[in-house]
Amino acid sequence: MAKLAGWRKIASAMWGPPDDPQIYGALEFDATPLLELIDKAKAHGHRVTVTHLVGRSIAMALAAVPDFNVRIRGSKIIARESVDIFYITAVEGGRSLSGVKIENADHKSAYEIARELSARSSKMKAGDDPEFAKTKKMMEALPRQGLKLAMRFSAWVSGDRNRSIKALGVKANPFGSAMVTSVGMFGIPQGFAPLARFYRMPLLILVGEITEKPVAIDGKVKVKPMLPITATIDHRYADGWHISQLLKPFKAYFADPTAFEPDPATVAAPVSSP
């Protein structure tokens, strides 16, 4: 039996045994079908982004694989009542982050999601959202240790017990079924994000920056706008089989989003503010 020495000894002092259930994955998609739908939607007054469409694709995938749309409470797996997608949103000029949960995202078109997200995030940025203001005020007032305890308590009540906490401005199941955010909007090609304990949901998707790349198609090299997508998954909720099933509807949406969305010409465009 040999003793640990050098870096291995230092490493054993720095870290304990691994106990993190997170799985990481990365895929690239031809963004051409998404960009074509975005252009068509824009022509009819709809402000749809790639991130909106990615969130919508996640919702459709979760609806198709209900085994993934669950929450864990102790040793029990409880099915969620709806497919809700939490969009992480930049506030305070991009210096801070918040988010908006879109409920029943599998039953709303990408245009409806874009409209709702725009309206609600605009209120937060302008300071007109009372729940966001209440939560922000509480976070700023509490000391670090008090905030840590408050976050654990709110995660237990809102996430595990599925109840709202009006005093803190926290709704039941605040982060929904999955989270999506864009790093591509900041010019970052690709990245991964951690799943925090208080999220109480199993899937976080990061949307990277679309860049033109050479790809092989039918034995020939073509330049295509490629969209990198990365995912962080809680292994307690899913294994390889669940992920493979989730990928099928996810890929189907990316291949032809028009098959899942109404014609933008038939959907009333949002009224622009004067």
C-alpha atoms as a PDB file:
ATOM      1  CA  MET A   1       0.000   0.000   0.000  1.00  0.00           C
ATOM      2  CA  ALA A   2       1.480   3.333  -1.095  1.00  0.00           C
ATOM      3  CA  LYS A   3       0.846   6.735   0.423  1.00  0.00           C
ATOM      4  CA  LEU A   4      -0.575   9.617  -1.553  1.00  0.00           C
ATOM      5  CA  ALA A   5       2.065  12.137  -2.523  1.00  0.00           C
ATOM      6  CA  GLY A   6       2.491  15.273  -4.576  1.00  0.00           C
ATOM      7  CA  TRP A   7      -0.570  16.575  -6.445  1.00  0.00           C
ATOM      8  CA  ARG A   8      -2.661  13.539  -5.532  1.00  0.00           C
ATOM      9  CA  LYS A   9      -2.140  14.303  -1.837  1.00  0.00           C
ATOM     10  CA  ILE A  10      -3.048  17.958  -2.384  1.00  0.00           C
ATOM     11  CA  ALA A  11      -6.121  16.963  -4.414  1.00  0.00           C
ATOM     12  CA  SER A  12      -7.344  14.581  -1.710  1.00  0.00           C
ATOM     13  CA  ALA A  13      -7.105  17.415   0.817  1.00  0.00           C
ATOM     14  CA  MET A  14      -8.968  19.854  -1.439  1.00  0.00           C
ATOM     15  CA  TRP A  15     -11.925  17.671  -2.481  1.00  0.00           C
ATOM     16  CA  GLY A  16     -14.004  14.850  -1.116  1.00  0.00           C
ATOM     17  CA  PRO A  17     -15.531  11.954  -3.077  1.00  0.00           C
ATOM     18  CA  PRO A  18     -17.714  13.001  -6.047  1.00  0.00           C
ATOM     19  CA  ASP A  19     -21.363  13.425  -5.106  1.00  0.00           C
ATOM     20  CA  ASP A  20     -22.614  15.659  -7.930  1.00  0.00           C
ATOM     21  CA  PRO A  21     -25.360  14.056 -10.083  1.00  0.00           C
ATOM     22  CA  GLN A  22     -25.008  16.454 -13.019  1.00  0.00           C
ATOM     23  CA  ILE A  23     -24.596  15.188 -16.587  1.00  0.00           C
ATOM     24  CA  TYR A  24     -23.314  17.474 -19.347  1.00  0.00           C
ATOM     25  CA  GLY A  25     -23.968  17.210 -23.066  1.00  0.00           C
ATOM     26  CA  ALA A  26     -23.419  19.253 -26.213  1.00  0.00           C
ATOM     27  CA  LEU A  27     -24.962  19.205 -29.683  1.00  0.00           C
ATOM     28  CA  GLU A  28     -24.826  21.351 -32.815  1.00  0.00           C
ATOM     29  CA  PHE A  29     -27.780  21.957 -35.114  1.00  0.00           C
ATOM     30  CA  ASP A  30     -28.173  23.464 -38.545  1.00  0.00           C
ATOM     31  CA  ALA A  31     -29.923  26.723 -37.658  1.00  0.00           C
ATOM     32  CA  THR A  32     -31.267  27.309 -41.179  1.00  0.00           C
ATOM     33  CA  PRO A  33     -34.867  26.153 -40.445  1.00  0.00           C
ATOM     34  CA  LEU A  34     -34.979  28.258 -37.263  1.00  0.00           C
ATOM     35  CA  LEU A  35     -33.622  31.362 -38.995  1.00  0.00           C
ATOM     36  CA  GLU A  36     -36.090  30.969 -41.853  1.00  0.00           C
ATOM     37  CA  LEU A  37     -38.999  30.846 -39.399  1.00  0.00           C
ATOM     38  CA  ILE A  38     -37.615  33.852 -37.503  1.00  0.00           C
ATOM     39  CA  ASP A  39     -37.388  35.871 -40.739  1.00  0.00           C
ATOM     40  CA  LYS A  40     -40.929  34.898 -41.717  1.00  0.00           C
ATOM     41  CA  ALA A  41     -42.217  35.774 -38.251  1.00  0.00           C
ATOM     42  CA  LYS A  42     -40.420  39.127 -38.319  1.00  0.00           C
ATOM     43  CA  ALA A  43     -42.053  39.951 -41.646  1.00  0.00           C
ATOM     44  CA  HIS A  44     -45.421  39.631 -39.899  1.00  0.00           C
ATOM     45  CA  GLY A  45     -44.502  41.667 -36.819  1.00  0.00           C
ATOM     46  CA  HIS A  46     -43.409  38.891 -34.432  1.00  0.00           C
ATOM     47  CA  ARG A  47     -40.181  39.380 -32.478  1.00  0.00           C
ATOM     48  CA  VAL A  48     -39.075  35.777 -32.153  1.00  0.00           C
ATOM     49  CA  THR A  49     -35.527  34.766 -31.279  1.00  0.00           C
ATOM     50  CA  VAL A  50     -33.603  31.511 -31.405  1.00  0.00           C
ATOM     51  CA  THR A  51     -33.861  31.304 -27.608  1.00  0.00           C
ATOM     52  CA  HIS A  52     -37.664  31.490 -27.801  1.00  0.00           C
ATOM     53  CA  LEU A  53     -37.673  28.612 -30.272  1.00  0.00           C
ATOM     54  CA  VAL A  54     -35.245  26.529 -28.225  1.00  0.00           C
ATOM     55  CA  GLY A  55     -37.457  26.939 -25.160  1.00  0.00           C
ATOM     56  CA  ARG A  56     -40.472  25.943 -27.192  1.00  0.00           C
ATOM     57  CA  SER A  57     -38.640  22.845 -28.467  1.00  0.00           C
ATOM     58  CA  ILE A  58     -37.813  21.862 -24.882  1.00  0.00           C
ATOM     59  CA  ALA A  59     -41.471  22.207 -23.924  1.00  0.00           C
ATOM     60  CA  MET A  60     -42.564  20.013 -26.826  1.00  0.00           C
ATOM     61  CA  ALA A  61     -39.945  17.406 -25.916  1.00  0.00           C
ATOM     62  CA  LEU A  62     -40.993  17.323 -22.256  1.00  0.00           C
ATOM     63  CA  ALA A  63     -44.633  16.952 -23.267  1.00  0.00           C
ATOM     64  CA  ALA A  64     -43.639  13.967 -25.401  1.00  0.00           C
ATOM     65  CA  VAL A  65     -41.603  12.405 -22.568  1.00  0.00           C
ATOM     66  CA  PRO A  66     -43.659  12.938 -19.381  1.00  0.00           C
ATOM     67  CA  ASP A  67     -41.284  10.704 -17.378  1.00  0.00           C
ATOM     68  CA  PHE A  68     -38.866  13.641 -17.495  1.00  0.00           C
ATOM     69  CA  ASN A  69     -41.441  16.250 -16.496  1.00  0.00           C
ATOM     70  CA  VAL A  70     -41.470  15.407 -12.804  1.00  0.00           C
ATOM     71  CA  ARG A  71     -40.249  16.704  -9.473  1.00  0.00           C
ATOM     72  CA  ILE A  72     -38.586  14.755  -6.681  1.00  0.00           C
ATOM     73  CA  ARG A  73     -39.838  14.971  -3.122  1.00  0.00           C
ATOM     74  CA  GLY A  74     -37.855  12.765  -0.789  1.00  0.00           C
ATOM     75  CA  SER A  75     -38.095   9.261  -2.234  1.00  0.00           C
ATOM     76  CA  LYS A  76     -41.137  10.099  -4.372  1.00  0.00           C
ATOM     77  CA  ILE A  77     -41.347  11.121  -8.031  1.00  0.00           C
ATOM     78  CA  ILE A  78     -44.311  13.428  -8.620  1.00  0.00           C
ATOM     79  CA  ALA A  79     -45.584  14.286 -12.085  1.00  0.00           C
ATOM     80  CA  ARG A  80     -45.809  17.990 -12.821  1.00  0.00           C
ATOM     81  CA  GLU A  81     -49.240  19.358 -13.711  1.00  0.00           C
ATOM     82  CA  SER A  82     -47.950  21.347 -16.682  1.00  0.00           C
ATOM     83  CA  VAL A  83     -44.880  21.929 -18.837  1.00  0.00           C
ATOM     84  CA  ASP A  84     -43.398  25.251 -17.717  1.00  0.00           C
ATOM     85  CA  ILE A  85     -40.189  26.743 -19.116  1.00  0.00           C
ATOM     86  CA  PHE A  86     -38.125  29.252 -17.154  1.00  0.00           C
ATOM     87  CA  TYR A  87     -36.319  31.788 -19.358  1.00  0.00           C
ATOM     88  CA  ILE A  88     -33.338  33.425 -17.661  1.00  0.00           C
ATOM     89  CA  THR A  89     -33.403  37.154 -18.409  1.00  0.00           C
ATOM     90  CA  ALA A  90     -30.768  39.879 -18.103  1.00  0.00           C
ATOM     91  CA  VAL A  91     -31.838  42.881 -16.009  1.00  0.00           C
ATOM     92  CA  GLU A  92     -30.180  46.072 -14.780  1.00  0.00           C
ATOM     93  CA  GLY A  93     -28.449  46.602 -18.101  1.00  0.00           C
ATOM     94  CA  GLY A  94     -27.130  43.046 -18.165  1.00  0.00           C
ATOM     95  CA  ARG A  95     -25.375  43.386 -14.793  1.00  0.00           C
ATOM     96  CA  SER A  96     -27.789  40.986 -13.101  1.00  0.00           C
ATOM     97  CA  LEU A  97     -30.006  38.044 -13.956  1.00  0.00           C
ATOM     98  CA  SER A  98     -33.600  37.177 -13.230  1.00  0.00           C
ATOM     99  CA  GLY A  99     -36.136  35.157 -15.159  1.00  0.00           C
ATOM    100  CA  VAL A 100     -39.672  34.519 -16.301  1.00  0.00           C
ATOM    101  CA  LYS A 101     -41.543  31.231 -16.073  1.00  0.00           C
ATOM    102  CA  ILE A 102     -43.779  30.577 -19.068  1.00  0.00           C
ATOM    103  CA  GLU A 103     -46.542  28.223 -17.973  1.00  0.00           C
ATOM    104  CA  ASN A 104     -48.009  25.600 -20.322  1.00  0.00           C
ATOM    105  CA  ALA A 105     -45.296  26.349 -22.870  1.00  0.00           C
ATOM    106  CA  ASP A 106     -46.154  23.208 -24.824  1.00  0.00           C
ATOM    107  CA  HIS A 107     -49.625  24.663 -25.527  1.00  0.00           C
ATOM    108  CA  LYS A 108     -48.412  28.130 -26.533  1.00  0.00           C
ATOM    109  CA  SER A 109     -46.914  29.008 -29.892  1.00  0.00           C
ATOM    110  CA  ALA A 110     -43.434  30.511 -30.112  1.00  0.00           C
ATOM    111  CA  TYR A 111     -45.094  33.844 -30.964  1.00  0.00           C
ATOM    112  CA  GLU A 112     -47.207  33.758 -27.799  1.00  0.00           C
ATOM    113  CA  ILE A 113     -44.160  32.848 -25.717  1.00  0.00           C
ATOM    114  CA  ALA A 114     -42.144  35.699 -27.247  1.00  0.00           C
ATOM    115  CA  ARG A 115     -44.952  38.172 -26.538  1.00  0.00           C
ATOM    116  CA  GLU A 116     -45.444  37.079 -22.933  1.00  0.00           C
ATOM    117  CA  LEU A 117     -41.730  36.970 -22.227  1.00  0.00           C
ATOM    118  CA  SER A 118     -41.204  40.439 -23.697  1.00  0.00           C
ATOM    119  CA  ALA A 119     -44.037  41.980 -21.679  1.00  0.00           C
ATOM    120  CA  ARG A 120     -43.023  40.452 -18.368  1.00  0.00           C
ATOM    121  CA  SER A 121     -39.264  40.969 -18.713  1.00  0.00           C
ATOM    122  CA  SER A 122     -39.879  44.606 -19.696  1.00  0.00           C
ATOM    123  CA  LYS A 123     -41.762  45.113 -16.420  1.00  0.00           C
ATOM    124  CA  MET A 124     -38.875  43.642 -14.427  1.00  0.00           C
ATOM    125  CA  LYS A 125     -36.307  45.804 -16.210  1.00  0.00           C
ATOM    126  CA  ALA A 126     -38.452  48.894 -15.553  1.00  0.00           C
ATOM    127  CA  GLY A 127     -39.005  47.936 -11.901  1.00  0.00           C
ATOM    128  CA  ASP A 128     -42.752  47.510 -12.415  1.00  0.00           C
ATOM    129  CA  ASP A 129     -42.963  43.836 -11.378  1.00  0.00           C
ATOM    130  CA  PRO A 130     -44.078  43.739  -7.693  1.00  0.00           C
ATOM    131  CA  GLU A 131     -43.044  40.128  -7.070  1.00  0.00           C
ATOM    132  CA  PHE A 132     -39.582  40.632  -8.566  1.00  0.00           C
ATOM    133  CA  ALA A 133     -39.197  43.892  -6.601  1.00  0.00           C
ATOM    134  CA  LYS A 134     -40.203  42.158  -3.353  1.00  0.00           C
ATOM    135  CA  THR A 135     -37.757  39.298  -3.882  1.00  0.00           C
ATOM    136  CA  LYS A 136     -34.937  41.675  -4.890  1.00  0.00           C
ATOM    137  CA  LYS A 137     -35.531  43.864  -1.813  1.00  0.00           C
ATOM    138  CA  MET A 138     -35.427  40.837   0.487  1.00  0.00           C
ATOM    139  CA  MET A 139     -32.197  39.533  -1.090  1.00  0.00           C
ATOM    140  CA  GLU A 140     -30.463  42.893  -0.702  1.00  0.00           C
ATOM    141  CA  ALA A 141     -31.584  43.319   2.923  1.00  0.00           C
ATOM    142  CA  LEU A 142     -30.532  39.915   4.254  1.00  0.00           C
ATOM    143  CA  PRO A 143     -26.942  39.146   5.285  1.00  0.00           C
ATOM    144  CA  ARG A 144     -25.220  36.315   3.417  1.00  0.00           C
ATOM    145  CA  GLN A 145     -25.986  33.634   6.032  1.00  0.00           C
ATOM    146  CA  GLY A 146     -29.585  34.789   6.361  1.00  0.00           C
ATOM    147  CA  LEU A 147     -30.000  34.762   2.588  1.00  0.00           C
ATOM    148  CA  LYS A 148     -28.600  31.232   2.465  1.00  0.00           C
ATOM    149  CA  LEU A 149     -31.168  30.046   5.011  1.00  0.00           C
ATOM    150  CA  ALA A 150     -33.998  31.930   3.279  1.00  0.00           C
ATOM    151  CA  MET A 151     -33.104  30.333  -0.062  1.00  0.00           C
ATOM    152  CA  ARG A 152     -33.066  26.844   1.457  1.00  0.00           C
ATOM    153  CA  PHE A 153     -36.409  27.464   3.148  1.00  0.00           C
ATOM    154  CA  SER A 154     -38.029  28.866   0.003  1.00  0.00           C
ATOM    155  CA  ALA A 155     -36.670  25.962  -2.078  1.00  0.00           C
ATOM    156  CA  TRP A 156     -38.185  23.461   0.362  1.00  0.00           C
ATOM    157  CA  VAL A 157     -41.579  25.193   0.492  1.00  0.00           C
ATOM    158  CA  SER A 158     -41.918  26.228  -3.164  1.00  0.00           C
ATOM    159  CA  GLY A 159     -40.030  23.346  -4.747  1.00  0.00           C
ATOM    160  CA  ASP A 160     -40.563  20.316  -2.512  1.00  0.00           C
ATOM    161  CA  ARG A 161     -43.939  21.289  -1.054  1.00  0.00           C
ATOM    162  CA  ASN A 162     -45.117  23.085  -4.231  1.00  0.00           C
ATOM    163  CA  ARG A 163     -46.498  26.064  -2.301  1.00  0.00           C
ATOM    164  CA  SER A 164     -46.135  29.821  -2.738  1.00  0.00           C
ATOM    165  CA  ILE A 165     -44.530  32.143  -0.171  1.00  0.00           C
ATOM    166  CA  LYS A 166     -46.283  35.491  -0.539  1.00  0.00           C
ATOM    167  CA  ALA A 167     -44.096  37.229   2.042  1.00  0.00           C
ATOM    168  CA  LEU A 168     -41.008  36.540  -0.060  1.00  0.00           C
ATOM    169  CA  GLY A 169     -42.654  36.979  -3.447  1.00  0.00           C
ATOM    170  CA  VAL A 170     -41.919  33.351  -4.332  1.00  0.00           C
ATOM    171  CA  LYS A 171     -44.445  31.284  -6.279  1.00  0.00           C
ATOM    172  CA  ALA A 172     -44.878  27.523  -6.110  1.00  0.00           C
ATOM    173  CA  ASN A 173     -42.526  25.631  -8.390  1.00  0.00           C
ATOM    174  CA  PRO A 174     -40.845  28.901  -9.484  1.00  0.00           C
ATOM    175  CA  PHE A 175     -38.407  27.393 -12.012  1.00  0.00           C
ATOM    176  CA  GLY A 176     -40.825  25.088 -13.783  1.00  0.00           C
ATOM    177  CA  SER A 177     -39.873  21.974 -15.724  1.00  0.00           C
ATOM    178  CA  ALA A 178     -36.671  23.258 -17.335  1.00  0.00           C
ATOM    179  CA  MET A 179     -34.578  26.398 -17.772  1.00  0.00           C
ATOM    180  CA  VAL A 180     -33.173  28.020 -20.907  1.00  0.00           C
ATOM    181  CA  THR A 181     -30.803  30.924 -21.381  1.00  0.00           C
ATOM    182  CA  SER A 182     -28.645  32.408 -24.112  1.00  0.00           C
ATOM    183  CA  VAL A 183     -24.923  33.051 -23.968  1.00  0.00           C
ATOM    184  CA  GLY A 184     -24.815  33.536 -27.726  1.00  0.00           C
ATOM    185  CA  MET A 185     -26.455  36.948 -27.319  1.00  0.00           C
ATOM    186  CA  PHE A 186     -23.283  38.043 -25.503  1.00  0.00           C
ATOM    187  CA  GLY A 187     -21.069  36.730 -28.293  1.00  0.00           C
ATOM    188  CA  ILE A 188     -20.057  33.619 -26.337  1.00  0.00           C
ATOM    189  CA  PRO A 189     -19.764  30.624 -28.679  1.00  0.00           C
ATOM    190  CA  GLN A 190     -20.629  27.924 -26.134  1.00  0.00           C
ATOM    191  CA  GLY A 191     -20.814  27.305 -22.423  1.00  0.00           C
ATOM    192  CA  PHE A 192     -22.160  25.137 -19.617  1.00  0.00           C
ATOM    193  CA  ALA A 193     -24.122  26.183 -16.536  1.00  0.00           C
ATOM    194  CA  PRO A 194     -24.568  24.434 -13.184  1.00  0.00           C
ATOM    195  CA  LEU A 195     -27.848  23.283 -11.699  1.00  0.00           C
ATOM    196  CA  ALA A 196     -28.273  24.957  -8.316  1.00  0.00           C
ATOM    197  CA  ARG A 197     -29.880  22.933  -5.541  1.00  0.00           C
ATOM    198  CA  PHE A 198     -32.776  25.325  -5.073  1.00  0.00           C
ATOM    199  CA  TYR A 199     -33.908  25.064  -8.723  1.00  0.00           C
ATOM    200  CA  ARG A 200     -35.637  21.735  -8.029  1.00  0.00           C
ATOM    201  CA  MET A 201     -35.785  20.863 -11.733  1.00  0.00           C
ATOM    202  CA  PRO A 202     -33.653  18.575 -13.916  1.00  0.00           C
ATOM    203  CA  LEU A 203     -32.711  20.395 -17.107  1.00  0.00           C
ATOM    204  CA  LEU A 204     -30.832  23.606 -17.972  1.00  0.00           C
ATOM    205  CA  ILE A 205     -30.173  24.483 -21.627  1.00  0.00           C
ATOM    206  CA  LEU A 206     -27.645  27.064 -22.838  1.00  0.00           C
ATOM    207  CA  VAL A 207     -28.014  28.527 -26.318  1.00  0.00           C
ATOM    208  CA  GLY A 208     -24.687  29.423 -27.909  1.00  0.00           C
ATOM    209  CA  GLU A 209     -23.730  31.774 -30.735  1.00  0.00           C
ATOM    210  CA  ILE A 210     -24.684  30.842 -34.294  1.00  0.00           C
ATOM    211  CA  THR A 211     -21.592  30.689 -36.505  1.00  0.00           C
ATOM    212  CA  GLU A 212     -21.031  29.516 -40.063  1.00  0.00           C
ATOM    213  CA  LYS A 213     -19.126  26.236 -40.223  1.00  0.00           C
ATOM    214  CA  PRO A 214     -18.250  23.670 -42.892  1.00  0.00           C
ATOM    215  CA  VAL A 215     -20.312  20.509 -42.452  1.00  0.00           C
ATOM    216  CA  ALA A 216     -20.546  17.261 -44.428  1.00  0.00           C
ATOM    217  CA  ILE A 217     -23.912  16.796 -46.179  1.00  0.00           C
ATOM    218  CA  ASP A 218     -24.443  13.821 -48.491  1.00  0.00           C
ATOM    219  CA  GLY A 219     -20.699  13.415 -48.885  1.00  0.00           C
ATOM    220  CA  LYS A 220     -20.121  17.080 -49.754  1.00  0.00           C
ATOM    221  CA  VAL A 221     -18.813  19.953 -47.659  1.00  0.00           C
ATOM    222  CA  LYS A 222     -21.211  22.880 -47.268  1.00  0.00           C
ATOM    223  CA  VAL A 223     -21.123  25.971 -45.084  1.00  0.00           C
ATOM    224  CA  LYS A 224     -24.078  26.150 -42.710  1.00  0.00           C
ATOM    225  CA  PRO A 225     -25.115  28.400 -39.797  1.00  0.00           C
ATOM    226  CA  MET A 226     -24.556  26.083 -36.844  1.00  0.00           C
ATOM    227  CA  LEU A 227     -26.190  26.535 -33.451  1.00  0.00           C
ATOM    228  CA  PRO A 228     -24.403  25.015 -30.402  1.00  0.00           C
ATOM    229  CA  ILE A 229     -26.660  23.785 -27.624  1.00  0.00           C
ATOM    230  CA  THR A 230     -25.393  22.553 -24.269  1.00  0.00           C
ATOM    231  CA  ALA A 231     -27.370  20.846 -21.535  1.00  0.00           C
ATOM    232  CA  THR A 232     -26.915  20.205 -17.838  1.00  0.00           C
ATOM    233  CA  ILE A 233     -29.072  17.334 -16.594  1.00  0.00           C
ATOM    234  CA  ASP A 234     -29.750  16.034 -13.090  1.00  0.00           C
ATOM    235  CA  HIS A 235     -28.930  12.313 -13.155  1.00  0.00           C
ATOM    236  CA  ARG A 236     -31.400  11.678 -10.313  1.00  0.00           C
ATOM    237  CA  TYR A 237     -34.235  12.445 -12.727  1.00  0.00           C
ATOM    238  CA  ALA A 238     -32.946  10.776 -15.855  1.00  0.00           C
ATOM    239  CA  ASP A 239     -30.597   8.213 -17.318  1.00  0.00           C
ATOM    240  CA  GLY A 240     -29.380   7.581 -20.852  1.00  0.00           C
ATOM    241  CA  TRP A 241     -32.710   6.121 -21.970  1.00  0.00           C
ATOM    242  CA  HIS A 242     -34.695   9.175 -20.867  1.00  0.00           C
ATOM    243  CA  ILE A 243     -32.232  11.494 -22.583  1.00  0.00           C
ATOM    244  CA  SER A 244     -32.378   9.511 -25.823  1.00  0.00           C
ATOM    245  CA  GLN A 245     -36.180   9.711 -25.796  1.00  0.00           C
ATOM    246  CA  LEU A 246     -36.073  13.453 -25.109  1.00  0.00           C
ATOM    247  CA  LEU A 247     -33.718  14.021 -28.036  1.00  0.00           C
ATOM    248  CA  LYS A 248     -36.130  12.586 -30.610  1.00  0.00           C
ATOM    249  CA  PRO A 249     -38.823  15.334 -30.424  1.00  0.00           C
ATOM    250  CA  PHE A 250     -36.117  17.916 -29.707  1.00  0.00           C
ATOM    251  CA  LYS A 251     -34.325  17.121 -32.973  1.00  0.00           C
ATOM    252  CA  ALA A 252     -37.624  16.897 -34.862  1.00  0.00           C
ATOM    253  CA  TYR A 253     -38.461  20.474 -33.880  1.00  0.00           C
ATOM    254  CA  PHE A 254     -35.069  21.774 -35.008  1.00  0.00           C
ATOM    255  CA  ALA A 255     -35.377  19.981 -38.337  1.00  0.00           C
ATOM    256  CA  ASP A 256     -38.735  21.601 -39.154  1.00  0.00           C
ATOM    257  CA  PRO A 257     -40.111  24.103 -36.609  1.00  0.00           C
ATOM    258  CA  THR A 258     -42.899  25.093 -39.012  1.00  0.00           C
ATOM    259  CA  ALA A 259     -44.455  21.668 -38.416  1.00  0.00           C
ATOM    260  CA  PHE A 260     -44.982  22.637 -34.761  1.00  0.00           C
ATOM    261  CA  GLU A 261     -45.824  26.332 -35.094  1.00  0.00           C
ATOM    262  CA  PRO A 262     -48.778  28.078 -36.756  1.00  0.00           C
ATOM    263  CA  ASP A 263     -48.177  30.205 -39.823  1.00  0.00           C
ATOM    264  CA  PRO A 264     -47.106  33.615 -38.425  1.00  0.00           C
ATOM    265  CA  ALA A 265     -49.335  35.288 -41.005  1.00  0.00           C
ATOM    266  CA  THR A 266     -52.369  33.820 -39.209  1.00  0.00           C
ATOM    267  CA  VAL A 267     -51.331  35.034 -35.739  1.00  0.00           C
ATOM    268  CA  ALA A 268     -52.061  38.582 -34.596  1.00  0.00           C
ATOM    269  CA  ALA A 269     -48.837  40.523 -34.105  1.00  0.00           C
ATOM    270  CA  PRO A 270     -48.269  42.354 -30.802  1.00  0.00           C
ATOM    271  CA  VAL A 271     -49.201  46.016 -30.726  1.00  0.00           C
ATOM    272  CA  SER A 272     -46.114  48.200 -30.545  1.00  0.00           C
ATOM    273  CA  SER A 273     -45.916  50.736 -27.745  1.00  0.00           C
ATOM    274  CA  PRO A 274     -46.086  54.351 -28.897  1.00  0.00           C
END
